[in-house]
C-alpha cells in the first residue's frame, strides 16, 4: 500500500535497491519520519520497521492516518473550492490548531498534496497532485502489518541507543551546518544533523538515502550507491540520489 503523503525531500526511485540491501526479516529503525514511502515499502516486504519522529504534529497526524482514513478522506474531498486566494496561506498557518484529529489529518493531507513544496506550512498552491487518484489512495490506505511509529524527544540520542539490525534515514541534500542558520522551517519539519548522525551511527549497520553532494565523502566512510532518475545504479555524474550504506 503506497503512502498518501508526498515526500517533500524528493520522490525516491531507490526503493528496490534499498530493499536489496536489507535482508528479509530484518528489524529496521528509521528516523526523521515524514511520508513513509520507503518505510512502508520495506514493511510491506517482510521487514520489521519501527519509525521515529521528534515532531508532535507528525506523530499526531500519522496516529490518525494509521488508524482509519475514512473520515479524513471525506473531509479532504470537501475542502475545495476556496472563496478567495487568501484561504490557502491561512490554512498553512492555522491547520494544526483545529481540535478534531480527523480535520488536522485531512488538512495535512490536503496541504501536502496542494503545496508545490510538499510541506504543510509553506509553499505556493498547486493542485496537480490533489486529484481522484490521490484521494482514492488516501481512502484505501491501511497501516502495514510490520510497521510501528513512535515519538522521540531526541532522534540522535535514539539512534545511539538503537539495537536494530539496520538504521535508516532519509535527509535532504547536505549543506554545511552554518548555512542552515536562518532557514524557515514549518512545525512539521524535522532537521537531523547529518554530522551528528554520522557520529551516532558509529559501529552500527545503516542504510541512508539523500541527494549527491561532494561533502558526503568527508562525513561518511561507507559504500556509495548512486541512483539515476529511473532507480538504476549509475555513476556519480549521472546520479539523482545516493544510498550510503555499510551493509
Protein backbone atom coordinates (compact mmCIF):
# COMPACT_ATOMS: atom_id res chain seq x y z
CA UNK A 1 0.00 0.00 0.00
CA UNK A 2 1.52 3.32 -1.12
CA UNK A 3 1.61 6.28 1.21
CA UNK A 4 -0.96 9.03 0.61
CA UNK A 5 1.57 11.66 1.72
CA UNK A 6 4.09 13.18 -0.66
CA UNK A 7 7.76 13.22 0.28
CA UNK A 8 8.90 16.88 0.31
CA UNK A 9 12.59 15.98 0.14
CA UNK A 10 12.45 14.19 -3.22
CA UNK A 11 10.41 11.43 -4.82
CA UNK A 12 12.73 8.46 -4.50
CA UNK A 13 13.23 5.78 -7.11
CA UNK A 14 15.61 3.84 -4.86
CA UNK A 15 13.17 1.58 -3.01
CA UNK A 16 14.08 -1.64 -4.78
CA UNK A 17 17.82 -1.01 -4.33
CA UNK A 18 17.30 -0.24 -0.64
CA UNK A 19 15.26 -3.42 -0.31
CA UNK A 20 18.11 -5.45 -1.83
CA UNK A 21 20.47 -4.18 0.90
CA UNK A 22 18.20 -5.16 3.81
CA UNK A 23 17.55 -8.90 4.28
CA UNK A 24 14.02 -10.20 4.72
CA UNK A 25 13.10 -10.37 8.40
CA UNK A 26 15.45 -7.54 9.41
CA UNK A 27 14.50 -5.13 12.16
CA UNK A 28 14.82 -1.59 10.79
CA UNK A 29 14.65 1.63 12.79
CA UNK A 30 14.08 4.77 10.74
CA UNK A 31 14.45 8.40 11.78
CA UNK A 32 13.07 11.71 10.58
CA UNK A 33 9.83 10.01 9.54
CA UNK A 34 7.54 12.10 7.33
CA UNK A 35 5.87 10.47 4.31
CA UNK A 36 6.69 6.83 4.94
CA UNK A 37 7.28 5.96 1.31
CA UNK A 38 10.47 3.97 1.96
CA UNK A 39 9.38 2.67 5.37
CA UNK A 40 6.02 1.33 4.13
CA UNK A 41 7.70 -0.21 1.10
CA UNK A 42 10.03 -2.18 3.37
CA UNK A 43 7.33 -3.09 5.89
CA UNK A 44 5.16 -4.47 3.11
CA UNK A 45 8.06 -6.71 2.09
CA UNK A 46 8.66 -8.55 5.35
CA UNK A 47 10.98 -6.09 7.06
CA UNK A 48 10.01 -5.04 10.59
CA UNK A 49 10.10 -1.25 10.59
CA UNK A 50 9.95 0.96 13.65
CA UNK A 51 9.99 4.67 12.78
CA UNK A 52 10.65 7.70 14.96
CA UNK A 53 9.75 11.37 14.73
CA UNK A 54 10.65 14.27 17.01
CA UNK A 55 7.64 16.22 15.81
CA UNK A 56 4.46 16.05 17.88
CA UNK A 57 2.30 17.07 14.92
CA UNK A 58 3.73 14.35 12.66
CA UNK A 59 3.04 11.75 15.33
CA UNK A 60 -0.46 13.19 15.85
CA UNK A 61 -1.41 13.17 12.16
CA UNK A 62 0.02 9.76 11.42
CA UNK A 63 -1.62 8.25 14.51
CA UNK A 64 -4.91 9.19 12.82
CA UNK A 65 -3.90 8.06 9.32
CA UNK A 66 -2.61 4.72 10.59
CA UNK A 67 -5.89 4.05 12.40
CA UNK A 68 -8.63 4.93 9.88
CA UNK A 69 -8.63 7.27 6.89
CA UNK A 70 -12.35 7.13 6.04
CA UNK A 71 -13.31 10.41 7.73
CA UNK A 72 -10.03 12.04 6.71
CA UNK A 73 -10.67 11.28 3.03
CA UNK A 74 -14.24 12.57 3.23
CA UNK A 75 -13.15 15.86 4.83
CA UNK A 76 -10.28 16.28 2.38
CA UNK A 77 -12.57 15.86 -0.61
CA UNK A 78 -14.73 18.80 0.54
CA UNK A 79 -12.08 21.47 1.14
CA UNK A 80 -12.12 22.98 -2.35
CA UNK A 81 -13.18 25.31 -3.84
CA UNK A 82 -11.87 28.28 -1.87
CA UNK A 83 -13.74 31.57 -1.74
CA UNK A 84 -10.54 33.52 -2.40
CA UNK A 85 -6.77 33.09 -2.69
CA UNK A 86 -6.16 34.09 0.92
CA UNK A 87 -7.62 30.85 2.29
CA UNK A 88 -4.69 28.66 1.30
CA UNK A 89 -1.96 30.60 3.19
CA UNK A 90 -4.39 30.99 6.10
CA UNK A 91 -4.78 27.21 6.30
CA UNK A 92 -1.00 26.84 6.18
CA UNK A 93 -0.79 28.96 9.33
CA UNK A 94 -3.79 27.60 11.21
CA UNK A 95 -4.19 23.93 10.22
CA UNK A 96 -2.62 22.43 13.37
CA UNK A 97 -4.91 24.43 15.69
CA UNK A 98 -8.09 22.55 14.78
CA UNK A 99 -9.26 20.39 17.68
CA UNK A 100 -10.61 17.45 15.68
CA UNK A 101 -7.79 14.97 14.81
CA UNK A 102 -9.54 13.91 11.58
CA UNK A 103 -9.67 17.55 10.47
CA UNK A 104 -5.97 18.05 11.29
CA UNK A 105 -5.05 14.94 9.33
CA UNK A 106 -7.29 15.97 6.42
CA UNK A 107 -5.68 19.41 6.25
CA UNK A 108 -2.21 17.85 6.49
CA UNK A 109 -3.02 15.62 3.52
CA UNK A 110 -4.63 18.47 1.56
CA UNK A 111 -1.81 20.97 2.12
CA UNK A 112 0.84 18.33 1.45
CA UNK A 113 -0.74 17.50 -1.91
CA UNK A 114 -1.58 21.11 -2.82
CA UNK A 115 1.68 22.81 -1.88
CA UNK A 116 4.36 22.98 -4.56
CA UNK A 117 6.93 22.37 -1.81
CA UNK A 118 5.28 19.23 -0.41
CA UNK A 119 5.46 20.83 3.02
CA UNK A 120 2.41 21.82 5.01
CA UNK A 121 3.33 25.21 6.41
CA UNK A 122 4.97 26.72 3.34
CA UNK A 123 4.82 26.68 -0.44
CA UNK A 124 2.50 28.02 -3.12
CA UNK A 125 -0.79 26.40 -4.04
CA UNK A 126 -0.61 23.81 -6.81
CA UNK A 127 -3.46 21.28 -7.05
CA UNK A 128 -1.74 18.99 -9.57
CA UNK A 129 -1.37 16.22 -7.01
CA UNK A 130 -4.82 16.73 -5.48
CA UNK A 131 -6.97 14.52 -7.67
CA UNK A 132 -9.30 11.48 -7.54
CA UNK A 133 -6.33 9.08 -7.69
CA UNK A 134 -4.59 10.57 -4.65
CA UNK A 135 -7.89 10.79 -2.75
CA UNK A 136 -8.58 7.14 -3.53
CA UNK A 137 -5.10 6.23 -2.27
CA UNK A 138 -5.85 8.07 0.96
CA UNK A 139 -9.21 6.36 1.43
CA UNK A 140 -7.77 2.88 0.80
CA UNK A 141 -4.65 3.34 2.90
CA UNK A 142 -4.13 0.88 5.74
CA UNK A 143 -1.24 0.52 8.15
CA UNK A 144 1.34 -2.05 7.03
CA UNK A 145 1.39 -5.04 9.37
CA UNK A 146 5.09 -4.76 10.16
CA UNK A 147 5.21 -1.01 10.83
CA UNK A 148 5.21 0.98 14.07
CA UNK A 149 5.58 4.72 14.70
CA UNK A 150 6.95 6.24 17.91
CA UNK A 151 7.62 9.73 19.21
CA UNK A 152 11.11 10.54 20.46
CA UNK A 153 12.42 13.66 22.15
CA UNK A 154 15.89 13.24 20.66
CA UNK A 155 16.40 11.40 17.39
CA UNK A 156 20.20 11.35 17.59
CA UNK A 157 20.05 10.01 21.13
CA UNK A 158 17.61 7.35 19.93
CA UNK A 159 20.00 6.38 17.13
CA UNK A 160 22.78 5.92 19.66
CA UNK A 161 20.56 3.56 21.70
CA UNK A 162 19.35 1.60 18.69
CA UNK A 163 19.98 -2.14 18.63
CA UNK A 164 18.14 -2.67 15.34
CA UNK A 165 19.66 -4.72 12.54
CA UNK A 166 19.63 -1.64 10.28
CA UNK A 167 19.23 2.08 10.89
CA UNK A 168 17.58 4.01 8.06
CA UNK A 169 17.18 7.74 7.47
CA UNK A 170 16.44 9.96 4.52
CA UNK A 171 17.73 13.51 4.62
CA UNK A 172 17.87 16.44 2.20
CA UNK A 173 20.90 17.43 0.20
CA UNK A 174 23.61 18.09 2.73
CA UNK A 175 24.84 21.63 3.33
CA UNK A 176 27.25 22.86 5.97
CA UNK A 177 25.63 23.46 9.35
CA UNK A 178 26.35 27.19 9.45
CA UNK A 179 24.49 27.62 6.15
CA UNK A 180 21.32 26.19 7.70
CA UNK A 181 21.05 29.06 10.16
CA UNK A 182 18.04 31.24 9.39
CA UNK A 183 16.24 28.64 7.27
CA UNK A 184 12.49 28.97 7.83
CA UNK A 185 11.04 25.62 8.92
CA UNK A 186 7.42 24.68 9.49
CA UNK A 187 6.21 23.00 12.67
CA UNK A 188 6.15 19.67 10.83
CA UNK A 189 9.76 19.81 9.59
CA UNK A 190 12.37 17.76 11.39
CA UNK A 191 16.01 18.61 10.83
CA UNK A 192 18.53 15.86 11.53
CA UNK A 193 22.10 16.99 11.99
CA UNK A 194 23.96 14.92 9.42
CA UNK A 195 27.28 15.35 11.21
CA UNK A 196 25.74 14.17 14.50
CA UNK A 197 24.00 11.32 12.72
CA UNK A 198 27.29 10.10 11.27
CA UNK A 199 28.85 10.03 14.75
CA UNK A 200 25.82 8.28 16.27
CA UNK A 201 25.97 5.59 13.57
CA UNK A 202 29.49 4.54 14.51
CA UNK A 203 29.56 0.76 15.00
CA UNK A 204 26.00 0.38 13.63
CA UNK A 205 24.73 -1.01 10.35
CA UNK A 206 22.93 1.63 8.32
CA UNK A 207 21.31 2.50 5.01
CA UNK A 208 20.84 6.21 4.32
CA UNK A 209 19.20 7.99 1.41
CA UNK A 210 19.93 11.50 0.18
CA UNK A 211 20.91 13.55 -2.84
CA UNK A 212 24.53 13.59 -4.04
CA UNK A 213 26.92 16.26 -2.83
CA UNK A 214 30.70 16.32 -2.64
CA UNK A 215 30.69 16.84 1.14
CA UNK A 216 29.25 13.41 1.96
CA UNK A 217 32.56 11.60 1.49
CA UNK A 218 34.07 13.83 4.16
CA UNK A 219 31.49 12.65 6.70
CA UNK A 220 30.69 9.03 5.84
CA UNK A 221 33.25 6.28 5.37
CA UNK A 222 31.00 3.73 3.67
CA UNK A 223 29.71 2.44 0.34
CA UNK A 224 28.05 4.89 -2.05
CA UNK A 225 25.43 3.52 -4.44
CA UNK A 226 24.48 6.18 -6.97
CA UNK A 227 20.99 6.00 -8.44
CA UNK A 228 19.63 7.60 -11.61
CA UNK A 229 16.17 9.03 -12.29
CA UNK A 230 14.81 5.57 -13.14
CA UNK A 231 16.05 3.82 -9.99
CA UNK A 232 19.05 2.17 -11.64
CA UNK A 233 22.64 2.11 -10.42
CA UNK A 234 24.69 4.72 -12.19
CA UNK A 235 27.78 6.90 -11.95
CA UNK A 236 28.15 9.83 -9.59
CA UNK A 237 27.97 12.20 -12.53
CA UNK A 238 24.51 10.94 -13.59
CA UNK A 239 23.08 10.35 -10.11
CA UNK A 240 19.88 11.90 -8.79
CA UNK A 241 20.06 10.05 -5.45
CA UNK A 242 22.70 8.27 -3.43
CA UNK A 243 22.39 5.41 -0.95
CA UNK A 244 25.02 5.45 1.78
CA UNK A 245 25.46 2.08 3.45
CA UNK A 246 27.82 -0.25 5.27
CA UNK A 247 25.87 -3.48 4.75
